[in-house]
Protein backbone atom coordinates (compact mmCIF):
# COMPACT_ATOMS: atom_id res chain seq x y z
CA MET A 1 38.24 21.50 -31.08
CA GLN A 2 34.53 21.16 -31.46
CA ASP A 3 32.72 18.68 -33.61
CA PHE A 4 29.82 20.01 -35.80
CA THR A 5 26.96 17.82 -37.18
CA LEU A 6 25.09 17.96 -40.42
CA ASP A 7 22.18 19.63 -38.60
CA ASP A 8 24.57 22.35 -37.33
CA LEU A 9 25.71 22.88 -41.10
CA SER A 10 22.19 22.91 -42.36
CA HIS A 11 21.01 25.38 -39.81
CA PHE A 12 24.04 27.76 -40.55
CA ALA A 13 23.42 27.42 -44.31
CA LYS A 14 19.72 28.39 -43.81
CA HIS A 15 20.50 31.41 -41.67
CA GLU A 16 24.00 32.42 -43.11
CA ARG A 17 22.87 35.73 -44.61
CA ARG A 18 20.85 36.95 -41.41
CA LEU A 19 24.02 35.87 -39.37
CA ILE A 20 26.46 37.89 -41.42
CA GLN A 21 24.12 40.93 -41.46
CA GLU A 22 23.82 40.70 -37.78
CA ILE A 23 27.60 40.48 -37.29
CA PHE A 24 28.38 43.41 -39.66
CA ASN A 25 25.39 45.34 -39.13
CA ILE A 26 24.51 45.49 -42.94
CA GLU A 27 21.02 46.31 -44.14
CA ASP A 28 19.28 43.96 -46.29
CA THR A 29 19.48 45.87 -49.37
CA VAL A 30 21.02 43.21 -51.43
CA ASP A 31 17.91 40.91 -51.56
CA LYS A 32 15.69 43.93 -52.60
CA GLN A 33 17.93 44.66 -55.69
CA GLU A 34 18.55 40.89 -56.57
CA VAL A 35 17.14 40.01 -59.88
CA VAL A 36 16.75 36.67 -60.81
CA SER A 37 17.58 35.92 -64.59
CA GLY A 38 18.18 32.62 -66.67
CA PRO A 39 20.85 31.75 -69.15
CA SER A 40 21.51 34.10 -72.04
CA ASP A 41 20.06 33.41 -75.39
CA GLU A 42 23.63 32.86 -76.61
CA SER A 43 24.30 30.33 -73.96
CA ILE A 44 21.07 28.29 -74.98
CA SER A 45 22.11 28.49 -78.57
CA ARG A 46 25.53 27.21 -77.82
CA ILE A 47 24.19 24.24 -75.81
CA ILE A 48 21.73 23.28 -78.45
CA ALA A 49 24.62 23.54 -81.13
CA TYR A 50 26.74 21.12 -79.05
CA ASN A 51 23.70 18.80 -78.47
CA LYS A 52 23.14 18.59 -82.32
CA ALA A 53 26.98 17.90 -83.01
CA LEU A 54 27.40 15.31 -80.19
CA SER A 55 26.91 11.65 -81.08
CA VAL A 56 26.91 9.02 -78.45
CA ARG A 57 26.75 5.45 -79.60
CA LYS A 58 26.90 2.00 -78.25
CA GLY A 59 29.96 0.04 -79.19
CA THR A 60 30.51 -3.65 -79.42
CA LYS A 61 33.98 -3.65 -77.73
CA ILE A 62 33.32 -0.67 -75.48
CA LYS A 63 29.95 0.37 -73.79
CA HIS A 64 29.60 3.83 -75.40
CA TYR A 65 31.76 6.12 -77.40
CA GLN A 66 31.21 9.71 -78.01
CA LEU A 67 31.95 11.55 -81.30
CA LEU A 68 31.87 15.13 -81.66
CA LEU A 69 30.97 16.10 -85.28
CA ASN A 70 31.98 19.40 -86.68
């Protein structure tokens, strides 16, 4: 069994898409249609609501305790 180094893994990760395209003879159509988008407005609203409801305090007997206010 052959041993692989982190350099081998890094090289593979950088060139993985190109290697797959070469092996399966696939054209690069996915990259052209790929659209980068962020989280939805609903996700952001839920994260902000959770942040407002979460209370983390220092305790005397334990270092920190969390309380989810609802």
